[in-house]
């Protein structure tokens, strides 16, 4: 093997190593970008009515070391179209929206003697974050948005 051949192979190996390191860095940047896009705190709060939310219940509320989990139900009076948004309130007063999903709750419709009307008033909301639980006041704001886009809100203090 000639000196030139060995030199060419070494340069090729170094180029592959550099390419591999660049690809790893790019994949980490893309992963971080997706994480931040999906887990960024949302500060958009719907217009809140002066009429408070009176029909809600929080079944469970857990502020873990790095996550928050809330389950319950809520609806604005006389509004069968239900959209619930849940916010955790930080110690400085800012609110962080939790990712929430609708959960079927036929027991709520049965309790209010309105068959099928409030079957989808249930919610489960959570957030996994790098912020520790000491940054939060353990207080929630439950907002139920009516069919006009107006939010009816109530605060709830978690135990």
N, C-alpha and C. Protein backbone atom coordinates (compact mmCIF):
# COMPACT_ATOMS: atom_id res chain seq x y z
N UNK A 1 0.84 -1.16 0.00
CA UNK A 1 0.00 0.00 0.00
C UNK A 1 0.90 1.24 0.00
N UNK A 2 0.53 2.18 -0.79
CA UNK A 2 1.35 3.37 -0.90
C UNK A 2 0.95 4.40 0.14
N UNK A 3 1.85 5.32 0.32
CA UNK A 3 1.61 6.39 1.28
C UNK A 3 0.40 7.23 0.88
N UNK A 4 0.23 7.46 -0.41
CA UNK A 4 -0.89 8.26 -0.92
C UNK A 4 -2.22 7.55 -0.65
N UNK A 5 -2.26 6.24 -0.82
CA UNK A 5 -3.47 5.45 -0.55
C UNK A 5 -3.86 5.54 0.92
N UNK A 6 -2.91 5.39 1.79
CA UNK A 6 -3.16 5.47 3.22
C UNK A 6 -3.65 6.85 3.60
N UNK A 7 -3.04 7.86 3.04
CA UNK A 7 -3.45 9.24 3.30
C UNK A 7 -4.88 9.49 2.83
N UNK A 8 -5.22 8.96 1.68
CA UNK A 8 -6.58 9.11 1.11
C UNK A 8 -7.60 8.41 2.01
N UNK A 9 -7.26 7.21 2.48
CA UNK A 9 -8.18 6.48 3.37
C UNK A 9 -8.37 7.22 4.70
N UNK A 10 -7.32 7.79 5.24
CA UNK A 10 -7.42 8.54 6.50
C UNK A 10 -8.31 9.77 6.31
N UNK A 11 -8.12 10.47 5.20
CA UNK A 11 -8.95 11.65 4.92
C UNK A 11 -10.41 11.24 4.75
N UNK A 12 -10.64 10.12 4.09
CA UNK A 12 -12.00 9.63 3.90
C UNK A 12 -12.63 9.26 5.24
N UNK A 13 -11.87 8.62 6.11
CA UNK A 13 -12.39 8.24 7.43
C UNK A 13 -12.70 9.48 8.26
N UNK A 14 -11.84 10.46 8.21
CA UNK A 14 -12.08 11.71 8.95
C UNK A 14 -13.32 12.40 8.42
N UNK A 15 -13.50 12.41 7.10
CA UNK A 15 -14.70 13.03 6.52
C UNK A 15 -15.96 12.30 6.97
N UNK A 16 -15.92 10.98 7.03
CA UNK A 16 -17.09 10.22 7.49
C UNK A 16 -17.36 10.49 8.97
N UNK A 17 -16.33 10.60 9.77
CA UNK A 17 -16.50 10.90 11.19
C UNK A 17 -17.12 12.29 11.38
N UNK A 18 -16.64 13.23 10.62
CA UNK A 18 -17.20 14.59 10.71
C UNK A 18 -18.65 14.60 10.25
N UNK A 19 -18.94 13.90 9.17
CA UNK A 19 -20.32 13.81 8.68
C UNK A 19 -21.22 13.17 9.73
N UNK A 20 -20.75 12.11 10.37
CA UNK A 20 -21.52 11.44 11.41
C UNK A 20 -21.81 12.39 12.58
N UNK A 21 -20.82 13.13 13.02
CA UNK A 21 -21.01 14.07 14.13
C UNK A 21 -21.99 15.17 13.73
N UNK A 22 -21.88 15.68 12.50
CA UNK A 22 -22.81 16.71 12.02
C UNK A 22 -24.24 16.17 12.01
N UNK A 23 -24.44 14.95 11.55
CA UNK A 23 -25.78 14.35 11.50
C UNK A 23 -26.35 14.17 12.92
N UNK A 24 -25.52 13.78 13.86
CA UNK A 24 -25.98 13.65 15.25
C UNK A 24 -26.41 15.01 15.80
N UNK A 25 -25.62 16.03 15.56
CA UNK A 25 -25.96 17.38 16.03
C UNK A 25 -27.26 17.85 15.40
N UNK A 26 -27.42 17.64 14.10
CA UNK A 26 -28.66 18.04 13.42
C UNK A 26 -29.85 17.30 13.99
N UNK A 27 -29.71 16.00 14.24
CA UNK A 27 -30.85 15.24 14.80
C UNK A 27 -31.21 15.73 16.20
N UNK A 28 -30.22 16.11 17.00
CA UNK A 28 -30.50 16.65 18.34
C UNK A 28 -31.20 18.00 18.24
N UNK A 29 -30.77 18.83 17.32
CA UNK A 29 -31.42 20.14 17.14
C UNK A 29 -32.86 19.97 16.69
N UNK A 30 -33.11 19.07 15.76
CA UNK A 30 -34.48 18.84 15.29
C UNK A 30 -35.34 18.28 16.42
N UNK A 31 -34.81 17.35 17.20
CA UNK A 31 -35.56 16.81 18.34
C UNK A 31 -35.91 17.90 19.34
N UNK A 32 -34.95 18.75 19.65
CA UNK A 32 -35.20 19.86 20.58
C UNK A 32 -36.23 20.83 20.01
N UNK A 33 -36.15 21.13 18.73
CA UNK A 33 -37.12 22.04 18.10
C UNK A 33 -38.54 21.48 18.18
N UNK A 34 -38.70 20.19 17.92
CA UNK A 34 -40.03 19.58 18.03
C UNK A 34 -40.52 19.59 19.48
N UNK A 35 -39.63 19.28 20.41
CA UNK A 35 -40.02 19.31 21.82
C UNK A 35 -40.51 20.70 22.22
N UNK A 36 -39.78 21.72 21.86
CA UNK A 36 -40.17 23.09 22.22
C UNK A 36 -41.45 23.52 21.51
N UNK A 37 -41.64 23.06 20.29
CA UNK A 37 -42.87 23.42 19.56
C UNK A 37 -44.10 22.81 20.21
N UNK A 38 -43.99 21.59 20.71
CA UNK A 38 -45.13 20.91 21.30
C UNK A 38 -45.30 21.20 22.78
N UNK A 39 -44.27 21.62 23.46
CA UNK A 39 -44.34 21.79 24.91
C UNK A 39 -44.13 23.23 25.37
N UNK A 40 -44.25 24.15 24.48
CA UNK A 40 -44.07 25.56 24.81
C UNK A 40 -45.28 26.04 25.62
N UNK A 41 -45.07 26.85 26.66
CA UNK A 41 -46.21 27.39 27.40
C UNK A 41 -47.06 28.29 26.50
N UNK A 42 -48.36 28.10 26.57
CA UNK A 42 -49.27 28.91 25.77
C UNK A 42 -49.86 29.99 26.66
N UNK A 43 -49.79 31.22 26.22
CA UNK A 43 -50.30 32.32 27.01
C UNK A 43 -51.57 32.91 26.41
N UNK A 44 -52.13 32.27 25.39
CA UNK A 44 -53.36 32.77 24.81
C UNK A 44 -54.54 32.29 25.65
N UNK A 45 -55.24 33.23 26.22
CA UNK A 45 -56.37 32.92 27.07
C UNK A 45 -57.61 33.49 26.40
N UNK A 46 -58.69 32.72 26.29
CA UNK A 46 -59.89 33.25 25.65
C UNK A 46 -60.47 34.42 26.46
N UNK A 47 -61.29 35.21 25.80
CA UNK A 47 -61.98 36.30 26.48
C UNK A 47 -62.81 35.70 27.61
N UNK A 48 -62.61 36.20 28.82
CA UNK A 48 -63.29 35.65 29.99
C UNK A 48 -64.52 36.49 30.31
N UNK A 49 -65.65 35.83 30.48
CA UNK A 49 -66.91 36.47 30.83
C UNK A 49 -66.89 36.91 32.29
N UNK A 50 -67.71 37.89 32.62
CA UNK A 50 -67.86 38.28 34.02
C UNK A 50 -68.68 37.25 34.77
N UNK A 51 -69.43 36.44 34.02
CA UNK A 51 -70.21 35.36 34.63
C UNK A 51 -69.28 34.18 34.92
N UNK A 52 -69.05 33.86 36.18
CA UNK A 52 -68.08 32.79 36.49
C UNK A 52 -68.62 31.40 36.13
N UNK A 53 -67.69 30.49 35.99
CA UNK A 53 -68.03 29.09 35.74
C UNK A 53 -68.51 28.48 37.06
N UNK A 54 -69.74 27.98 37.07
CA UNK A 54 -70.29 27.43 38.31
C UNK A 54 -70.43 25.92 38.28
N UNK A 55 -70.45 25.35 37.09
CA UNK A 55 -70.66 23.90 36.98
C UNK A 55 -69.37 23.23 36.55
N UNK A 56 -68.57 22.86 37.55
CA UNK A 56 -67.32 22.14 37.28
C UNK A 56 -66.95 21.34 38.52
N UNK A 57 -66.09 20.38 38.31
CA UNK A 57 -65.56 19.60 39.43
C UNK A 57 -64.19 19.06 39.03
N UNK A 58 -63.24 19.15 39.92
CA UNK A 58 -61.91 18.58 39.70
C UNK A 58 -61.84 17.29 40.50
N UNK A 59 -61.77 16.17 39.79
CA UNK A 59 -61.72 14.86 40.44
C UNK A 59 -60.35 14.60 41.06
N UNK A 60 -59.31 14.95 40.33
CA UNK A 60 -57.96 14.77 40.87
C UNK A 60 -57.04 15.84 40.31
N UNK A 61 -56.08 16.21 41.13
CA UNK A 61 -55.14 17.26 40.76
C UNK A 61 -53.81 16.92 41.41
N UNK A 62 -52.80 16.65 40.59
CA UNK A 62 -51.50 16.25 41.11
C UNK A 62 -50.42 17.13 40.49
N UNK A 63 -49.68 17.82 41.35
CA UNK A 63 -48.51 18.57 40.93
C UNK A 63 -47.30 17.72 41.31
N UNK A 64 -46.76 17.00 40.33
CA UNK A 64 -45.59 16.16 40.57
C UNK A 64 -44.32 16.99 40.51
N UNK A 65 -43.19 16.31 40.63
CA UNK A 65 -41.91 17.02 40.60
C UNK A 65 -41.67 17.71 39.26
N UNK A 66 -42.03 17.05 38.16
CA UNK A 66 -41.82 17.64 36.83
C UNK A 66 -43.06 17.57 35.95
N UNK A 67 -44.23 17.27 36.53
CA UNK A 67 -45.44 17.20 35.72
C UNK A 67 -46.67 17.59 36.52
N UNK A 68 -47.73 17.87 35.79
CA UNK A 68 -49.02 18.24 36.38
C UNK A 68 -50.07 17.37 35.71
N UNK A 69 -50.98 16.80 36.50
CA UNK A 69 -52.07 15.99 35.95
C UNK A 69 -53.37 16.38 36.63
N UNK A 70 -54.40 16.65 35.82
CA UNK A 70 -55.69 17.08 36.33
C UNK A 70 -56.79 16.31 35.61
N UNK A 71 -57.79 15.88 36.35
CA UNK A 71 -58.96 15.21 35.76
C UNK A 71 -60.21 15.82 36.38
N UNK A 72 -61.26 15.95 35.58
CA UNK A 72 -62.51 16.49 36.09
C UNK A 72 -63.52 16.72 34.98
N UNK A 73 -64.46 17.60 35.23
CA UNK A 73 -65.45 17.96 34.22
C UNK A 73 -65.87 19.41 34.42
N UNK A 74 -66.36 20.02 33.35
CA UNK A 74 -66.82 21.41 33.42
C UNK A 74 -67.68 21.71 32.20
N UNK A 75 -68.63 22.61 32.38
CA UNK A 75 -69.40 23.13 31.25
C UNK A 75 -70.03 24.45 31.64
N UNK A 76 -70.18 25.33 30.65
CA UNK A 76 -70.88 26.59 30.87
C UNK A 76 -72.37 26.30 30.86
N UNK A 77 -73.10 26.94 31.75
CA UNK A 77 -74.55 26.69 31.87
C UNK A 77 -75.26 26.86 30.53
N UNK A 78 -76.18 25.94 30.26
CA UNK A 78 -77.01 25.96 29.06
C UNK A 78 -76.19 25.99 27.77
N UNK A 79 -75.06 25.35 27.77
CA UNK A 79 -74.21 25.31 26.59
C UNK A 79 -73.77 23.87 26.32
N UNK A 80 -74.44 23.19 25.40
CA UNK A 80 -74.07 21.80 25.14
C UNK A 80 -72.76 21.64 24.35
N UNK A 81 -72.29 22.71 23.70
CA UNK A 81 -71.01 22.63 23.00
C UNK A 81 -69.91 22.92 24.00
N UNK A 82 -69.11 21.92 24.27
CA UNK A 82 -68.16 22.03 25.38
C UNK A 82 -66.73 22.03 24.88
N UNK A 83 -65.99 23.05 25.30
CA UNK A 83 -64.55 23.13 25.06
C UNK A 83 -63.93 23.62 26.36
N UNK A 84 -63.19 22.74 27.01
CA UNK A 84 -62.56 23.10 28.28
C UNK A 84 -61.06 23.32 28.08
N UNK A 85 -60.56 24.36 28.71
CA UNK A 85 -59.13 24.65 28.71
C UNK A 85 -58.70 24.79 30.16
N UNK A 86 -57.59 24.17 30.50
CA UNK A 86 -57.11 24.15 31.88
C UNK A 86 -55.75 24.83 31.94
N UNK A 87 -55.59 25.71 32.92
CA UNK A 87 -54.34 26.45 33.10
C UNK A 87 -53.82 26.23 34.51
N UNK A 88 -52.50 26.09 34.64
CA UNK A 88 -51.84 26.06 35.94
C UNK A 88 -51.28 27.46 36.17
N UNK A 89 -51.46 27.97 37.38
CA UNK A 89 -51.01 29.32 37.69
C UNK A 89 -49.66 29.26 38.40
N UNK A 90 -48.69 29.98 37.85
CA UNK A 90 -47.35 30.01 38.44
C UNK A 90 -47.33 31.00 39.60
N UNK A 91 -46.28 30.95 40.39
CA UNK A 91 -46.15 31.83 41.55
C UNK A 91 -46.15 33.30 41.18
N UNK A 92 -45.67 33.63 39.98
CA UNK A 92 -45.64 35.03 39.55
C UNK A 92 -46.95 35.48 38.92
N UNK A 93 -47.96 34.60 38.88
CA UNK A 93 -49.27 34.95 38.36
C UNK A 93 -49.50 34.59 36.91
N UNK A 94 -48.46 34.23 36.17
CA UNK A 94 -48.67 33.83 34.78
C UNK A 94 -49.31 32.46 34.74
N UNK A 95 -50.02 32.21 33.64
CA UNK A 95 -50.73 30.94 33.50
C UNK A 95 -50.11 30.13 32.37
N UNK A 96 -49.99 28.84 32.61
CA UNK A 96 -49.45 27.91 31.63
C UNK A 96 -50.57 26.94 31.27
N UNK A 97 -50.89 26.86 29.98
CA UNK A 97 -51.96 25.97 29.56
C UNK A 97 -51.50 24.52 29.60
N UNK A 98 -52.35 23.67 30.15
CA UNK A 98 -52.10 22.23 30.16
C UNK A 98 -52.73 21.64 28.90
N UNK A 99 -52.12 20.61 28.37
CA UNK A 99 -52.68 19.93 27.21
C UNK A 99 -53.86 19.11 27.71
N UNK A 100 -55.04 19.38 27.14
CA UNK A 100 -56.23 18.69 27.64
C UNK A 100 -56.92 17.91 26.54
N UNK A 101 -57.60 16.86 26.96
CA UNK A 101 -58.38 16.01 26.07
C UNK A 101 -59.77 15.85 26.66
N UNK A 102 -60.73 15.68 25.78
CA UNK A 102 -62.11 15.45 26.21
C UNK A 102 -62.26 13.99 26.63
N UNK A 103 -62.99 13.80 27.73
CA UNK A 103 -63.24 12.46 28.26
C UNK A 103 -64.76 12.28 28.38
N UNK A 104 -65.30 11.17 27.88
CA UNK A 104 -66.75 10.95 28.02
C UNK A 104 -67.15 10.86 29.50
N UNK A 105 -68.18 11.63 29.87
CA UNK A 105 -68.68 11.62 31.24
C UNK A 105 -70.22 11.58 31.23
N UNK A 106 -70.82 10.45 30.87
CA UNK A 106 -72.28 10.36 30.88
C UNK A 106 -72.87 10.54 32.28
N UNK A 107 -72.07 10.33 33.32
CA UNK A 107 -72.55 10.53 34.68
C UNK A 107 -72.90 11.99 34.95
N UNK A 108 -72.24 12.93 34.26
CA UNK A 108 -72.54 14.35 34.45
C UNK A 108 -73.92 14.67 33.88
N UNK A 109 -74.21 14.18 32.67
CA UNK A 109 -75.54 14.39 32.09
C UNK A 109 -76.62 13.77 32.98
N UNK A 110 -76.34 12.59 33.50
CA UNK A 110 -77.31 11.92 34.37
C UNK A 110 -77.53 12.71 35.65
N UNK A 111 -76.48 13.28 36.20
CA UNK A 111 -76.60 14.05 37.45
C UNK A 111 -77.43 15.32 37.25
N UNK A 112 -77.38 15.90 36.05
CA UNK A 112 -78.14 17.12 35.78
C UNK A 112 -79.46 16.84 35.06
N UNK A 113 -79.85 15.56 34.97
CA UNK A 113 -81.10 15.14 34.32
C UNK A 113 -81.25 15.70 32.91
N UNK A 114 -80.17 15.69 32.16
CA UNK A 114 -80.18 16.14 30.76
C UNK A 114 -79.47 15.07 29.93
N UNK A 115 -80.21 14.05 29.50
CA UNK A 115 -79.58 12.93 28.79
C UNK A 115 -78.74 13.40 27.59
N UNK A 116 -77.53 12.93 27.53
CA UNK A 116 -76.58 13.14 26.44
C UNK A 116 -76.07 14.58 26.29
N UNK A 117 -76.61 15.53 27.01
CA UNK A 117 -76.23 16.94 26.81
C UNK A 117 -74.80 17.22 27.24
N UNK A 118 -74.39 16.73 28.38
CA UNK A 118 -73.06 17.03 28.91
C UNK A 118 -72.16 15.79 28.96
N UNK A 119 -72.42 14.84 28.07
CA UNK A 119 -71.64 13.60 28.05
C UNK A 119 -70.15 13.83 27.77
N UNK A 120 -69.82 14.91 27.08
CA UNK A 120 -68.41 15.17 26.75
C UNK A 120 -67.87 16.37 27.51
N UNK A 121 -68.32 16.51 28.74
CA UNK A 121 -67.84 17.62 29.59
C UNK A 121 -66.58 17.25 30.36
N UNK A 122 -66.19 15.99 30.32
CA UNK A 122 -65.02 15.54 31.06
C UNK A 122 -63.73 15.97 30.39
N UNK A 123 -62.70 16.10 31.20
CA UNK A 123 -61.38 16.44 30.66
C UNK A 123 -60.29 15.75 31.47
N UNK A 124 -59.20 15.53 30.80
CA UNK A 124 -57.97 15.14 31.45
C UNK A 124 -56.91 16.07 30.87
N UNK A 125 -56.15 16.68 31.76
CA UNK A 125 -55.16 17.67 31.32
C UNK A 125 -53.83 17.36 31.99
N UNK A 126 -52.77 17.55 31.24
CA UNK A 126 -51.45 17.28 31.82
C UNK A 126 -50.39 18.12 31.13
N UNK A 127 -49.27 18.19 31.79
CA UNK A 127 -48.11 18.88 31.23
C UNK A 127 -46.87 18.32 31.91
N UNK A 128 -45.94 17.94 31.09
CA UNK A 128 -44.64 17.51 31.60
C UNK A 128 -43.68 18.62 31.20
N UNK A 129 -42.98 19.14 32.18
CA UNK A 129 -42.18 20.33 31.93
C UNK A 129 -40.89 20.29 32.71
N UNK A 130 -39.94 21.09 32.31
CA UNK A 130 -38.68 21.19 33.02
C UNK A 130 -38.81 22.08 34.26
N UNK A 131 -39.93 22.78 34.39
CA UNK A 131 -40.15 23.63 35.56
C UNK A 131 -40.50 22.75 36.76
N UNK A 132 -39.98 23.05 37.89
CA UNK A 132 -40.29 22.24 39.06
C UNK A 132 -41.61 22.70 39.67
N UNK A 133 -42.19 21.85 40.49
CA UNK A 133 -43.50 22.17 41.06
C UNK A 133 -43.44 23.36 42.00
N UNK A 134 -42.25 23.70 42.49
CA UNK A 134 -42.13 24.87 43.37
C UNK A 134 -42.37 26.17 42.61
N UNK A 135 -42.37 26.12 41.27
CA UNK A 135 -42.66 27.32 40.47
C UNK A 135 -44.15 27.59 40.36
N UNK A 136 -44.99 26.65 40.78
CA UNK A 136 -46.44 26.78 40.63
C UNK A 136 -47.11 26.98 41.98
N UNK A 137 -48.24 27.70 41.95
CA UNK A 137 -48.98 28.00 43.17
C UNK A 137 -49.95 26.89 43.56
N UNK A 138 -50.01 25.81 42.80
CA UNK A 138 -50.95 24.71 42.99
C UNK A 138 -52.39 25.17 42.81
N UNK A 139 -52.56 26.22 42.02
CA UNK A 139 -53.89 26.74 41.71
C UNK A 139 -54.14 26.56 40.22
N UNK A 140 -55.36 26.19 39.88
CA UNK A 140 -55.77 26.00 38.49
C UNK A 140 -56.80 27.02 38.10
N UNK A 141 -56.88 27.29 36.80
CA UNK A 141 -58.01 28.03 36.27
C UNK A 141 -58.66 27.11 35.24
N UNK A 142 -59.92 26.78 35.49
CA UNK A 142 -60.70 25.95 34.59
C UNK A 142 -61.55 26.90 33.76
N UNK A 143 -61.41 26.83 32.44
CA UNK A 143 -62.15 27.71 31.54
C UNK A 143 -62.98 26.84 30.61
N UNK A 144 -64.28 27.08 30.61
CA UNK A 144 -65.18 26.39 29.69
C UNK A 144 -65.67 27.43 28.68
N UNK A 145 -65.35 27.20 27.43
CA UNK A 145 -65.66 28.16 26.37
C UNK A 145 -67.03 27.82 25.79
N UNK A 146 -67.91 28.83 25.71
CA UNK A 146 -69.25 28.59 25.16
C UNK A 146 -69.23 28.68 23.64
N UNK A 147 -70.41 28.51 23.02
CA UNK A 147 -70.48 28.48 21.56
C UNK A 147 -70.23 29.85 20.91
N UNK A 148 -70.12 30.92 21.70
CA UNK A 148 -69.80 32.25 21.18
C UNK A 148 -68.32 32.57 21.33
N UNK A 149 -67.55 31.62 21.88
CA UNK A 149 -66.12 31.82 22.07
C UNK A 149 -65.76 32.54 23.36
N UNK A 150 -66.75 32.76 24.22
CA UNK A 150 -66.51 33.43 25.51
C UNK A 150 -66.21 32.37 26.56
N UNK A 151 -65.15 32.60 27.33
CA UNK A 151 -64.77 31.66 28.37
C UNK A 151 -65.40 32.00 29.70
N UNK A 152 -65.87 30.99 30.40
CA UNK A 152 -66.39 31.13 31.76
C UNK A 152 -65.38 30.42 32.65
N UNK A 153 -64.81 31.16 33.59
CA UNK A 153 -63.67 30.64 34.34
C UNK A 153 -63.95 30.51 35.84
N UNK A 154 -63.23 29.58 36.42
CA UNK A 154 -63.26 29.39 37.87
C UNK A 154 -61.88 28.94 38.30
N UNK A 155 -61.46 29.41 39.48
CA UNK A 155 -60.17 28.99 40.04
C UNK A 155 -60.41 27.82 40.99
N UNK A 156 -59.42 26.96 41.06
CA UNK A 156 -59.48 25.80 41.93
C UNK A 156 -58.12 25.62 42.58
N UNK A 157 -58.11 25.49 43.89
CA UNK A 157 -56.88 25.29 44.64
C UNK A 157 -56.68 23.79 44.85
N UNK A 158 -55.61 23.25 44.33
CA UNK A 158 -55.32 21.82 44.49
C UNK A 158 -54.80 21.57 45.89
N UNK A 159 -55.13 20.41 46.41
CA UNK A 159 -54.69 20.05 47.76
C UNK A 159 -53.31 19.46 47.73
